[in-house]
Structure formats: C-alpha cells, structure tokens
Amino acid sequence: MIFYTHNFIPKKHAGCTRGFVIFIRPEYKNDLGLLEHEKVHRRQWLWSMGISSLLYLSSKRYRLWAEVHAYKVQLKFVKPIGNLPVVRKKFAQMISTKYKLNVTVVEAEKLLIE
C-alpha cells in the first residue's frame, strides 16, 4: 500500500515506511529509486514479522544495516550512471546526519560501496 502525502513523513525526509504502508511526498511520486528504497524497508518489516520496527528504534546497528541496504538498492536507479559517485556521497551524508547513527560520511560511503 502506497500513499502520496505529506502526512506521517518526518521533516526533511522524502518518504517513509510504517509497517507495510509506504508514504511518499507527492513531489517524489516519480522517483523510482525512492520507492524501491521504501519497498526494502517494507520487506524488512515483513521478513521480521514486524519486529524490525522495534529494532529500528532501539538498535543503531540494525538501523544502520537497514538504511545502508535500502540506499544500496536506491543507488541502482541513479541515472545517468555517471552521477553515481555524487549521489552515493549525498546518500552517505544522509546516513551520517539523518538517522542518529554516529557514523561519519566517509564510513557511510564505505558501507555503500561494499
């Protein structure tokens, strides 16, 4: 289930997943990479039978793993491919600053490359 709305989405985020429901801001409706990123989180939730929500909130290690995995999938949709290093750096900055993970941009970028 996907809703295009400004509701339920944290400030400075383009989308989020709550359980099996994906919320994406309307201005990102055509961003396939973002949609696939959120689908990763939905699969994480389904795979864990909902426990991922608790893990995401309580474990920085799990949250880092979940976001790196989702951003790696999102990177597959970067066009043109020449923009990949720039976008990867942007995603690394997001991982470093938006998720309270205490990782540097360099550390996050390394994880996205591995």
PDB file of N, CA and C in Angstrom:
ATOM      1  N   MET A   1       0.840  -1.154   0.000  1.00  0.00           N
ATOM      2  CA  MET A   1       0.000   0.000   0.000  1.00  0.00           C
ATOM      3  C   MET A   1       0.901   1.239   0.000  1.00  0.00           C
ATOM      4  N   ILE A   2       0.685   2.137  -0.937  1.00  0.00           N
ATOM      5  CA  ILE A   2       1.495   3.342  -1.075  1.00  0.00           C
ATOM      6  C   ILE A   2       0.585   4.560  -1.070  1.00  0.00           C
ATOM      7  N   PHE A   3       0.932   5.545  -0.238  1.00  0.00           N
ATOM      8  CA  PHE A   3       0.202   6.800  -0.187  1.00  0.00           C
ATOM      9  C   PHE A   3       1.151   7.934  -0.530  1.00  0.00           C
ATOM     10  N   TYR A   4       0.695   8.833  -1.395  1.00  0.00           N
ATOM     11  CA  TYR A   4       1.464  10.026  -1.738  1.00  0.00           C
ATOM     12  C   TYR A   4       0.871  11.177  -0.933  1.00  0.00           C
ATOM     13  N   THR A   5       1.590  11.592   0.091  1.00  0.00           N
ATOM     14  CA  THR A   5       1.081  12.553   1.058  1.00  0.00           C
ATOM     15  C   THR A   5       2.243  13.212   1.786  1.00  0.00           C
ATOM     16  N   HIS A   6       1.947  14.288   2.480  1.00  0.00           N
ATOM     17  CA  HIS A   6       2.945  14.916   3.350  1.00  0.00           C
ATOM     18  C   HIS A   6       2.777  14.436   4.790  1.00  0.00           C
ATOM     19  N   ASN A   7       1.693  13.736   5.056  1.00  0.00           N
ATOM     20  CA  ASN A   7       1.406  13.248   6.405  1.00  0.00           C
ATOM     21  C   ASN A   7       2.261  12.033   6.740  1.00  0.00           C
ATOM     22  N   PHE A   8       2.558  11.869   8.017  1.00  0.00           N
ATOM     23  CA  PHE A   8       3.254  10.692   8.558  1.00  0.00           C
ATOM     24  C   PHE A   8       4.733  10.602   8.154  1.00  0.00           C
ATOM     25  N   ILE A   9       5.247  11.600   7.458  1.00  0.00           N
ATOM     26  CA  ILE A   9       6.638  11.572   6.989  1.00  0.00           C
ATOM     27  C   ILE A   9       7.439  12.574   7.815  1.00  0.00           C
ATOM     28  N   PRO A  10       8.543  12.129   8.421  1.00  0.00           N
ATOM     29  CA  PRO A  10       9.358  13.070   9.204  1.00  0.00           C
ATOM     30  C   PRO A  10       9.867  14.231   8.347  1.00  0.00           C
ATOM     31  N   LYS A  11      10.056  15.368   8.989  1.00  0.00           N
ATOM     32  CA  LYS A  11      10.620  16.531   8.289  1.00  0.00           C
ATOM     33  C   LYS A  11      11.945  16.144   7.655  1.00  0.00           C
ATOM     34  N   LYS A  12      12.224  16.733   6.526  1.00  0.00           N
ATOM     35  CA  LYS A  12      13.470  16.541   5.778  1.00  0.00           C
ATOM     36  C   LYS A  12      13.608  15.127   5.206  1.00  0.00           C
ATOM     37  N   HIS A  13      12.534  14.358   5.181  1.00  0.00           N
ATOM     38  CA  HIS A  13      12.548  13.046   4.542  1.00  0.00           C
ATOM     39  C   HIS A  13      11.582  13.088   3.361  1.00  0.00           C
ATOM     40  N   ALA A  14      11.906  12.365   2.317  1.00  0.00           N
ATOM     41  CA  ALA A  14      11.059  12.324   1.130  1.00  0.00           C
ATOM     42  C   ALA A  14       9.993  11.238   1.242  1.00  0.00           C
ATOM     43  N   GLY A  15      10.258  10.250   2.078  1.00  0.00           N
ATOM     44  CA  GLY A  15       9.307   9.160   2.251  1.00  0.00           C
ATOM     45  C   GLY A  15       9.635   8.377   3.500  1.00  0.00           C
ATOM     46  N   CYS A  16       8.732   7.494   3.874  1.00  0.00           N
ATOM     47  CA  CYS A  16       8.982   6.596   4.996  1.00  0.00           C
ATOM     48  C   CYS A  16       8.025   5.413   4.895  1.00  0.00           C
ATOM     49  N   THR A  17       8.351   4.390   5.645  1.00  0.00           N
ATOM     50  CA  THR A  17       7.522   3.196   5.675  1.00  0.00           C
ATOM     51  C   THR A  17       7.101   2.948   7.106  1.00  0.00           C
ATOM     52  N   ARG A  18       5.834   2.725   7.293  1.00  0.00           N
ATOM     53  CA  ARG A  18       5.266   2.390   8.604  1.00  0.00           C
ATOM     54  C   ARG A  18       4.624   1.017   8.459  1.00  0.00           C
ATOM     55  N   GLY A  19       5.327   0.009   8.950  1.00  0.00           N
ATOM     56  CA  GLY A  19       4.815  -1.345   8.773  1.00  0.00           C
ATOM     57  C   GLY A  19       4.857  -1.715   7.307  1.00  0.00           C
ATOM     58  N   PHE A  20       3.707  -2.087   6.780  1.00  0.00           N
ATOM     59  CA  PHE A  20       3.634  -2.456   5.362  1.00  0.00           C
ATOM     60  C   PHE A  20       3.143  -1.304   4.489  1.00  0.00           C
ATOM     61  N   VAL A  21       2.966  -0.115   5.078  1.00  0.00           N
ATOM     62  CA  VAL A  21       2.448   1.041   4.348  1.00  0.00           C
ATOM     63  C   VAL A  21       3.595   2.007   4.034  1.00  0.00           C
ATOM     64  N   ILE A  22       3.686   2.401   2.784  1.00  0.00           N
ATOM     65  CA  ILE A  22       4.709   3.332   2.315  1.00  0.00           C
ATOM     66  C   ILE A  22       4.064   4.703   2.111  1.00  0.00           C
ATOM     67  N   PHE A  23       4.735   5.732   2.646  1.00  0.00           N
ATOM     68  CA  PHE A  23       4.301   7.110   2.467  1.00  0.00           C
ATOM     69  C   PHE A  23       5.403   7.855   1.714  1.00  0.00           C
ATOM     70  N   ILE A  24       5.028   8.515   0.631  1.00  0.00           N
ATOM     71  CA  ILE A  24       5.979   9.295  -0.169  1.00  0.00           C
ATOM     72  C   ILE A  24       5.378  10.668  -0.428  1.00  0.00           C
ATOM     73  N   ARG A  25       6.197  11.684  -0.273  1.00  0.00           N
ATOM     74  CA  ARG A  25       5.715  13.040  -0.564  1.00  0.00           C
ATOM     75  C   ARG A  25       5.329  13.122  -2.048  1.00  0.00           C
ATOM     76  N   PRO A  26       4.222  13.814  -2.356  1.00  0.00           N
ATOM     77  CA  PRO A  26       3.733  13.868  -3.743  1.00  0.00           C
ATOM     78  C   PRO A  26       4.769  14.337  -4.761  1.00  0.00           C
ATOM     79  N   GLU A  27       5.661  15.241  -4.371  1.00  0.00           N
ATOM     80  CA  GLU A  27       6.654  15.743  -5.326  1.00  0.00           C
ATOM     81  C   GLU A  27       7.697  14.687  -5.698  1.00  0.00           C
ATOM     82  N   TYR A  28       7.702  13.555  -5.005  1.00  0.00           N
ATOM     83  CA  TYR A  28       8.625  12.453  -5.306  1.00  0.00           C
ATOM     84  C   TYR A  28       7.895  11.252  -5.926  1.00  0.00           C
ATOM     85  N   LYS A  29       6.689  11.480  -6.399  1.00  0.00           N
ATOM     86  CA  LYS A  29       5.860  10.392  -6.929  1.00  0.00           C
ATOM     87  C   LYS A  29       6.551   9.611  -8.041  1.00  0.00           C
ATOM     88  N   ASN A  30       7.349  10.260  -8.854  1.00  0.00           N
ATOM     89  CA  ASN A  30       8.001   9.590  -9.976  1.00  0.00           C
ATOM     90  C   ASN A  30       9.428   9.147  -9.679  1.00  0.00           C
ATOM     91  N   ASP A  31       9.834   9.201  -8.419  1.00  0.00           N
ATOM     92  CA  ASP A  31      11.188   8.812  -8.027  1.00  0.00           C
ATOM     93  C   ASP A  31      11.206   7.307  -7.735  1.00  0.00           C
ATOM     94  N   LEU A  32      11.514   6.533  -8.755  1.00  0.00           N
ATOM     95  CA  LEU A  32      11.505   5.076  -8.637  1.00  0.00           C
ATOM     96  C   LEU A  32      12.530   4.588  -7.616  1.00  0.00           C
ATOM     97  N   GLY A  33      13.673   5.238  -7.551  1.00  0.00           N
ATOM     98  CA  GLY A  33      14.689   4.853  -6.576  1.00  0.00           C
ATOM     99  C   GLY A  33      14.189   4.991  -5.147  1.00  0.00           C
ATOM    100  N   LEU A  34      13.512   6.088  -4.855  1.00  0.00           N
ATOM    101  CA  LEU A  34      12.942   6.295  -3.529  1.00  0.00           C
ATOM    102  C   LEU A  34      11.894   5.227  -3.219  1.00  0.00           C
ATOM    103  N   LEU A  35      11.042   4.948  -4.185  1.00  0.00           N
ATOM    104  CA  LEU A  35      10.023   3.914  -3.986  1.00  0.00           C
ATOM    105  C   LEU A  35      10.677   2.569  -3.680  1.00  0.00           C
ATOM    106  N   GLU A  36      11.707   2.214  -4.420  1.00  0.00           N
ATOM    107  CA  GLU A  36      12.390   0.939  -4.179  1.00  0.00           C
ATOM    108  C   GLU A  36      13.086   0.928  -2.819  1.00  0.00           C
ATOM    109  N   HIS A  37      13.612   2.073  -2.401  1.00  0.00           N
ATOM    110  CA  HIS A  37      14.208   2.210  -1.066  1.00  0.00           C
ATOM    111  C   HIS A  37      13.157   1.871  -0.007  1.00  0.00           C
ATOM    112  N   GLU A  38      11.990   2.462  -0.142  1.00  0.00           N
ATOM    113  CA  GLU A  38      10.927   2.224   0.845  1.00  0.00           C
ATOM    114  C   GLU A  38      10.398   0.788   0.774  1.00  0.00           C
ATOM    115  N   LYS A  39      10.402   0.207  -0.403  1.00  0.00           N
ATOM    116  CA  LYS A  39       9.994  -1.198  -0.523  1.00  0.00           C
ATOM    117  C   LYS A  39      10.959  -2.117   0.232  1.00  0.00           C
ATOM    118  N   VAL A  40      12.233  -1.744   0.265  1.00  0.00           N
ATOM    119  CA  VAL A  40      13.206  -2.518   1.047  1.00  0.00           C
ATOM    120  C   VAL A  40      12.791  -2.505   2.520  1.00  0.00           C
ATOM    121  N   HIS A  41      12.429  -1.331   3.023  1.00  0.00           N
ATOM    122  CA  HIS A  41      12.006  -1.249   4.425  1.00  0.00           C
ATOM    123  C   HIS A  41      10.729  -2.062   4.667  1.00  0.00           C
ATOM    124  N   ARG A  42       9.833  -2.046   3.702  1.00  0.00           N
ATOM    125  CA  ARG A  42       8.615  -2.858   3.858  1.00  0.00           C
ATOM    126  C   ARG A  42       8.976  -4.344   3.906  1.00  0.00           C
ATOM    127  N   ARG A  43       9.885  -4.797   3.050  1.00  0.00           N
ATOM    128  CA  ARG A  43      10.313  -6.201   3.077  1.00  0.00           C
ATOM    129  C   ARG A  43      11.011  -6.533   4.398  1.00  0.00           C
ATOM    130  N   GLN A  44      11.792  -5.589   4.918  1.00  0.00           N
ATOM    131  CA  GLN A  44      12.443  -5.808   6.206  1.00  0.00           C
ATOM    132  C   GLN A  44      11.394  -6.014   7.297  1.00  0.00           C
ATOM    133  N   TRP A  45      10.356  -5.214   7.249  1.00  0.00           N
ATOM    134  CA  TRP A  45       9.272  -5.322   8.235  1.00  0.00           C
ATOM    135  C   TRP A  45       8.551  -6.658   8.087  1.00  0.00           C
ATOM    136  N   LEU A  46       8.217  -7.026   6.855  1.00  0.00           N
ATOM    137  CA  LEU A  46       7.514  -8.295   6.622  1.00  0.00           C
ATOM    138  C   LEU A  46       8.381  -9.490   7.000  1.00  0.00           C
ATOM    139  N   TRP A  47       9.645  -9.461   6.599  1.00  0.00           N
ATOM    140  CA  TRP A  47      10.578 -10.545   6.884  1.00  0.00           C
ATOM    141  C   TRP A  47      10.716 -10.782   8.385  1.00  0.00           C
ATOM    142  N   SER A  48      10.695  -9.680   9.155  1.00  0.00           N
ATOM    143  CA  SER A  48      10.877  -9.788  10.600  1.00  0.00           C
ATOM    144  C   SER A  48       9.557  -9.945  11.355  1.00  0.00           C
ATOM    145  N   MET A  49       8.457 -10.039  10.621  1.00  0.00           N
ATOM    146  CA  MET A  49       7.117 -10.116  11.214  1.00  0.00           C
ATOM    147  C   MET A  49       6.857  -8.916  12.137  1.00  0.00           C
ATOM    148  N   GLY A  50       7.330  -7.757  11.730  1.00  0.00           N
ATOM    149  CA  GLY A  50       7.084  -6.514  12.447  1.00  0.00           C
ATOM    150  C   GLY A  50       8.116  -6.149  13.490  1.00  0.00           C
ATOM    151  N   ILE A  51       8.997  -7.060  13.820  1.00  0.00           N
ATOM    152  CA  ILE A  51       9.999  -6.783  14.852  1.00  0.00           C
ATOM    153  C   ILE A  51      10.985  -5.713  14.390  1.00  0.00           C
ATOM    154  N   SER A  52      11.150  -5.548  13.088  1.00  0.00           N
ATOM    155  CA  SER A  52      12.108  -4.556  12.587  1.00  0.00           C
ATOM    156  C   SER A  52      11.765  -3.153  13.077  1.00  0.00           C
ATOM    157  N   SER A  53      10.499  -2.859  13.301  1.00  0.00           N
ATOM    158  CA  SER A  53      10.120  -1.527  13.808  1.00  0.00           C
ATOM    159  C   SER A  53      10.761  -1.280  15.167  1.00  0.00           C
ATOM    160  N   LEU A  54      10.693  -2.252  16.040  1.00  0.00           N
ATOM    161  CA  LEU A  54      11.302  -2.140  17.364  1.00  0.00           C
ATOM    162  C   LEU A  54      12.826  -2.079  17.249  1.00  0.00           C
ATOM    163  N   LEU A  55      13.390  -2.956  16.416  1.00  0.00           N
ATOM    164  CA  LEU A  55      14.842  -2.961  16.224  1.00  0.00           C
ATOM    165  C   LEU A  55      15.325  -1.628  15.657  1.00  0.00           C
ATOM    166  N   TYR A  56      14.580  -1.099  14.689  1.00  0.00           N
ATOM    167  CA  TYR A  56      14.963   0.160  14.045  1.00  0.00           C
ATOM    168  C   TYR A  56      15.049   1.284  15.078  1.00  0.00           C
ATOM    169  N   LEU A  57      14.090   1.312  15.989  1.00  0.00           N
ATOM    170  CA  LEU A  57      14.056   2.368  17.003  1.00  0.00           C
ATOM    171  C   LEU A  57      15.073   2.158  18.115  1.00  0.00           C
ATOM    172  N   SER A  58      15.393   0.921  18.433  1.00  0.00           N
ATOM    173  CA  SER A  58      16.218   0.648  19.609  1.00  0.00           C
ATOM    174  C   SER A  58      17.675   0.301  19.315  1.00  0.00           C
ATOM    175  N   SER A  59      17.990  -0.051  18.076  1.00  0.00           N
ATOM    176  CA  SER A  59      19.344  -0.508  17.772  1.00  0.00           C
ATOM    177  C   SER A  59      19.963   0.307  16.640  1.00  0.00           C
ATOM    178  N   LYS A  60      21.005   1.053  16.969  1.00  0.00           N
ATOM    179  CA  LYS A  60      21.707   1.822  15.933  1.00  0.00           C
ATOM    180  C   LYS A  60      22.325   0.885  14.904  1.00  0.00           C
ATOM    181  N   ARG A  61      22.799  -0.244  15.371  1.00  0.00           N
ATOM    182  CA  ARG A  61      23.419  -1.212  14.462  1.00  0.00           C
ATOM    183  C   ARG A  61      22.405  -1.713  13.433  1.00  0.00           C
ATOM    184  N   TYR A  62      21.194  -2.050  13.881  1.00  0.00           N
ATOM    185  CA  TYR A  62      20.157  -2.513  12.956  1.00  0.00           C
ATOM    186  C   TYR A  62      19.731  -1.376  12.020  1.00  0.00           C
ATOM    187  N   ARG A  63      19.543  -0.176  12.596  1.00  0.00           N
ATOM    188  CA  ARG A  63      19.118   0.969  11.786  1.00  0.00           C
ATOM    189  C   ARG A  63      20.141   1.266  10.701  1.00  0.00           C
ATOM    190  N   LEU A  64      21.422   1.199  11.039  1.00  0.00           N
ATOM    191  CA  LEU A  64      22.473   1.413  10.045  1.00  0.00           C
ATOM    192  C   LEU A  64      22.398   0.354   8.954  1.00  0.00           C
ATOM    193  N   TRP A  65      22.279  -0.911   9.359  1.00  0.00           N
ATOM    194  CA  TRP A  65      22.174  -2.002   8.378  1.00  0.00           C
ATOM    195  C   TRP A  65      20.961  -1.783   7.467  1.00  0.00           C
ATOM    196  N   ALA A  66      19.815  -1.437   8.060  1.00  0.00           N
ATOM    197  CA  ALA A  66      18.581  -1.261   7.284  1.00  0.00           C
ATOM    198  C   ALA A  66      18.706  -0.122   6.282  1.00  0.00           C
ATOM    199  N   GLU A  67      19.273   0.993   6.708  1.00  0.00           N
ATOM    200  CA  GLU A  67      19.391   2.144   5.805  1.00  0.00           C
ATOM    201  C   GLU A  67      20.442   1.913   4.725  1.00  0.00           C
ATOM    202  N   VAL A  68      21.563   1.336   5.081  1.00  0.00           N
ATOM    203  CA  VAL A  68      22.585   1.058   4.067  1.00  0.00           C
ATOM    204  C   VAL A  68      22.010   0.127   3.005  1.00  0.00           C
ATOM    205  N   HIS A  69      21.315  -0.899   3.434  1.00  0.00           N
ATOM    206  CA  HIS A  69      20.719  -1.841   2.479  1.00  0.00           C
ATOM    207  C   HIS A  69      19.728  -1.118   1.551  1.00  0.00           C
ATOM    208  N   ALA A  70      18.874  -0.269   2.125  1.00  0.00           N
ATOM    209  CA  ALA A  70      17.877   0.444   1.318  1.00  0.00           C
ATOM    210  C   ALA A  70      18.534   1.442   0.365  1.00  0.00           C
ATOM    211  N   TYR A  71      19.553   2.157   0.829  1.00  0.00           N
ATOM    212  CA  TYR A  71      20.233   3.112  -0.048  1.00  0.00           C
ATOM    213  C   TYR A  71      21.008   2.408  -1.149  1.00  0.00           C
ATOM    214  N   LYS A  72      21.552   1.235  -0.866  1.00  0.00           N
ATOM    215  CA  LYS A  72      22.236   0.474  -1.925  1.00  0.00           C
ATOM    216  C   LYS A  72      21.264   0.128  -3.044  1.00  0.00           C
ATOM    217  N   VAL A  73      20.057  -0.263  -2.689  1.00  0.00           N
ATOM    218  CA  VAL A  73      19.042  -0.557  -3.706  1.00  0.00           C
ATOM    219  C   VAL A  73      18.688   0.720  -4.458  1.00  0.00           C
ATOM    220  N   GLN A  74      18.515   1.814  -3.735  1.00  0.00           N
ATOM    221  CA  GLN A  74      18.165   3.084  -4.372  1.00  0.00           C
ATOM    222  C   GLN A  74      19.247   3.528  -5.352  1.00  0.00           C
ATOM    223  N   LEU A  75      20.500   3.258  -5.037  1.00  0.00           N
ATOM    224  CA  LEU A  75      21.602   3.641  -5.934  1.00  0.00           C
ATOM    225  C   LEU A  75      21.510   2.957  -7.299  1.00  0.00           C
ATOM    226  N   LYS A  76      20.862   1.812  -7.367  1.00  0.00           N
ATOM    227  CA  LYS A  76      20.724   1.089  -8.638  1.00  0.00           C
ATOM    228  C   LYS A  76      19.867   1.860  -9.644  1.00  0.00           C
ATOM    229  N   PHE A  77      19.146   2.866  -9.175  1.00  0.00           N
ATOM    230  CA  PHE A  77      18.242   3.616 -10.041  1.00  0.00           C
ATOM    231  C   PHE A  77      18.774   4.997 -10.406  1.00  0.00           C
ATOM    232  N   VAL A  78      20.038   5.266 -10.099  1.00  0.00           N
ATOM    233  CA  VAL A  78      20.659   6.555 -10.423  1.00  0.00           C
ATOM    234  C   VAL A  78      20.912   6.625 -11.924  1.00  0.00           C
ATOM    235  N   LYS A  79      20.418   7.690 -12.533  1.00  0.00           N
ATOM    236  CA  LYS A  79      20.621   7.922 -13.961  1.00  0.00           C
ATOM    237  C   LYS A  79      21.037   9.376 -14.149  1.00  0.00           C
ATOM    238  N   PRO A  80      21.955   9.717 -15.023  1.00  0.00           N
ATOM    239  CA  PRO A  80      22.851   8.788 -15.701  1.00  0.00           C
ATOM    240  C   PRO A  80      23.843   8.190 -14.714  1.00  0.00           C
ATOM    241  N   ILE A  81      24.383   7.071 -15.077  1.00  0.00           N
ATOM    242  CA  ILE A  81      25.267   6.317 -14.205  1.00  0.00           C
ATOM    243  C   ILE A  81      26.487   7.138 -13.792  1.00  0.00           C
ATOM    244  N   GLY A  82      26.865   8.117 -14.594  1.00  0.00           N
ATOM    245  CA  GLY A  82      27.992   8.989 -14.252  1.00  0.00           C
ATOM    246  C   GLY A  82      27.763   9.797 -12.983  1.00  0.00           C
ATOM    247  N   ASN A  83      26.500   9.961 -12.590  1.00  0.00           N
ATOM    248  CA  ASN A  83      26.167  10.693 -11.369  1.00  0.00           C
ATOM    249  C   ASN A  83      26.297   9.836 -10.113  1.00  0.00           C
ATOM    250  N   LEU A  84      26.594   8.558 -10.277  1.00  0.00           N
ATOM    251  CA  LEU A  84      26.629   7.628  -9.150  1.00  0.00           C
ATOM    252  C   LEU A  84      27.528   8.092  -8.005  1.00  0.00           C
ATOM    253  N   PRO A  85      28.785   8.505  -8.248  1.00  0.00           N
ATOM    254  CA  PRO A  85      29.631   8.928  -7.120  1.00  0.00           C
ATOM    255  C   PRO A  85      29.057  10.121  -6.353  1.00  0.00           C
ATOM    256  N   VAL A  86      28.468  11.068  -7.062  1.00  0.00           N
ATOM    257  CA  VAL A  86      27.890  12.246  -6.422  1.00  0.00           C
ATOM    258  C   VAL A  86      26.677  11.849  -5.575  1.00  0.00           C
ATOM    259  N   VAL A  87      25.817  11.020  -6.119  1.00  0.00           N
ATOM    260  CA  VAL A  87      24.615  10.590  -5.401  1.00  0.00           C
ATOM    261  C   VAL A  87      24.998   9.707  -4.218  1.00  0.00           C
ATOM    262  N   ARG A  88      25.982   8.845  -4.413  1.00  0.00           N
ATOM    263  CA  ARG A  88      26.434   7.984  -3.311  1.00  0.00           C
ATOM    264  C   ARG A  88      26.934   8.840  -2.145  1.00  0.00           C
ATOM    265  N   LYS A  89      27.685   9.893  -2.447  1.00  0.00           N
ATOM    266  CA  LYS A  89      28.170  10.810  -1.406  1.00  0.00           C
ATOM    267  C   LYS A  89      26.984  11.489  -0.710  1.00  0.00           C
ATOM    268  N   LYS A  90      25.989  11.887  -1.479  1.00  0.00           N
ATOM    269  CA  LYS A  90      24.791  12.516  -0.905  1.00  0.00           C
ATOM    270  C   LYS A  90      24.080  11.536   0.033  1.00  0.00           C
ATOM    271  N   PHE A  91      23.934  10.288  -0.393  1.00  0.00           N
ATOM    272  CA  PHE A  91      23.288   9.282   0.456  1.00  0.00           C
ATOM    273  C   PHE A  91      24.122   9.032   1.710  1.00  0.00           C
ATOM    274  N   ALA A  92      25.441   9.023   1.568  1.00  0.00           N
ATOM    275  CA  ALA A  92      26.313   8.832   2.729  1.00  0.00           C
ATOM    276  C   ALA A  92      26.122   9.979   3.728  1.00  0.00           C
ATOM    277  N   GLN A  93      25.984  11.197   3.222  1.00  0.00           N
ATOM    278  CA  GLN A  93      25.733  12.345   4.098  1.00  0.00           C
ATOM    279  C   GLN A  93      24.397  12.191   4.811  1.00  0.00           C
ATOM    280  N   MET A  94      23.401  11.687   4.105  1.00  0.00           N
ATOM    281  CA  MET A  94      22.092  11.475   4.715  1.00  0.00           C
ATOM    282  C   MET A  94      22.183  10.416   5.819  1.00  0.00           C
ATOM    283  N   ILE A  95      22.857   9.315   5.538  1.00  0.00           N
ATOM    284  CA  ILE A  95      23.022   8.262   6.541  1.00  0.00           C
ATOM    285  C   ILE A  95      23.751   8.831   7.758  1.00  0.00           C
ATOM    286  N   SER A  96      24.743   9.662   7.514  1.00  0.00           N
ATOM    287  CA  SER A  96      25.554  10.221   8.582  1.00  0.00           C
ATOM    288  C   SER A  96      24.784  11.219   9.450  1.00  0.00           C
ATOM    289  N   THR A  97      23.816  11.924   8.874  1.00  0.00           N
ATOM    290  CA  THR A  97      23.172  13.023   9.605  1.00  0.00           C
ATOM    291  C   THR A  97      21.707  12.826   9.973  1.00  0.00           C
ATOM    292  N   LYS A  98      20.966  12.008   9.247  1.00  0.00           N
ATOM    293  CA  LYS A  98      19.512  11.949   9.449  1.00  0.00           C
ATOM    294  C   LYS A  98      19.025  10.844  10.388  1.00  0.00           C
ATOM    295  N   TYR A  99      19.875   9.929  10.752  1.00  0.00           N
ATOM    296  CA  TYR A  99      19.382   8.728  11.438  1.00  0.00           C
ATOM    297  C   TYR A  99      19.994   8.509  12.825  1.00  0.00           C
ATOM    298  N   LYS A 100      20.678   9.493  13.365  1.00  0.00           N
ATOM    299  CA  LYS A 100      21.278   9.406  14.702  1.00  0.00           C
ATOM    300  C   LYS A 100      22.139   8.146  14.848  1.00  0.00           C
ATOM    301  N   LEU A 101      23.071   7.970  13.916  1.00  0.00           N
ATOM    302  CA  LEU A 101      23.865   6.745  13.869  1.00  0.00           C
ATOM    303  C   LEU A 101      25.313   6.910  14.331  1.00  0.00           C
ATOM    304  N   ASN A 102      25.771   8.118  14.507  1.00  0.00           N
ATOM    305  CA  ASN A 102      27.160   8.362  14.924  1.00  0.00           C
ATOM    306  C   ASN A 102      28.169   7.727  13.969  1.00  0.00           C
ATOM    307  N   VAL A 103      27.926   7.869  12.671  1.00  0.00           N
ATOM    308  CA  VAL A 103      28.889   7.429  11.662  1.00  0.00           C
ATOM    309  C   VAL A 103      29.265   8.645  10.824  1.00  0.00           C
ATOM    310  N   THR A 104      30.480   8.640  10.350  1.00  0.00           N
ATOM    311  CA  THR A 104      30.940   9.743   9.507  1.00  0.00           C
ATOM    312  C   THR A 104      30.458   9.511   8.073  1.00  0.00           C
ATOM    313  N   VAL A 105      30.559  10.549   7.283  1.00  0.00           N
ATOM    314  CA  VAL A 105      30.217  10.440   5.867  1.00  0.00           C
ATOM    315  C   VAL A 105      31.142   9.428   5.196  1.00  0.00           C
ATOM    316  N   VAL A 106      32.406   9.459   5.543  1.00  0.00           N
ATOM    317  CA  VAL A 106      33.380   8.533   4.954  1.00  0.00           C
ATOM    318  C   VAL A 106      33.012   7.088   5.302  1.00  0.00           C
ATOM    319  N   GLU A 107      32.676   6.843   6.568  1.00  0.00           N
ATOM    320  CA  GLU A 107      32.278   5.488   6.981  1.00  0.00           C
ATOM    321  C   GLU A 107      31.013   5.037   6.254  1.00  0.00           C
ATOM    322  N   ALA A 108      30.028   5.935   6.148  1.00  0.00           N
ATOM    323  CA  ALA A 108      28.783   5.593   5.470  1.00  0.00           C
ATOM    324  C   ALA A 108      29.018   5.313   4.001  1.00  0.00           C
ATOM    325  N   GLU A 109      29.853   6.127   3.352  1.00  0.00           N
ATOM    326  CA  GLU A 109      30.135   5.897   1.929  1.00  0.00           C
ATOM    327  C   GLU A 109      30.846   4.556   1.712  1.00  0.00           C
ATOM    328  N   LYS A 110      31.738   4.231   2.605  1.00  0.00           N
ATOM    329  CA  LYS A 110      32.432   2.930   2.516  1.00  0.00           C
ATOM    330  C   LYS A 110      31.428   1.773   2.593  1.00  0.00           C
ATOM    331  N   LEU A 111      30.469   1.891   3.474  1.00  0.00           N
ATOM    332  CA  LEU A 111      29.425   0.857   3.597  1.00  0.00           C
ATOM    333  C   LEU A 111      28.578   0.751   2.322  1.00  0.00           C
ATOM    334  N   LEU A 112      28.320   1.890   1.691  1.00  0.00           N
ATOM    335  CA  LEU A 112      27.535   1.880   0.454  1.00  0.00           C
ATOM    336  C   LEU A 112      28.300   1.255  -0.700  1.00  0.00           C
ATOM    337  N   ILE A 113      29.605   1.306  -0.654  1.00  0.00           N
ATOM    338  CA  ILE A 113      30.437   0.736  -1.719  1.00  0.00           C
ATOM    339  C   ILE A 113      30.620  -0.763  -1.539  1.00  0.00           C
ATOM    340  N   GLU A 114      30.691  -1.215  -0.284  1.00  0.00           N
ATOM    341  CA  GLU A 114      30.935  -2.646  -0.014  1.00  0.00           C
ATOM    342  C   GLU A 114      29.837  -3.528  -0.563  1.00  0.00           C
TER     343      GLU A 114
END
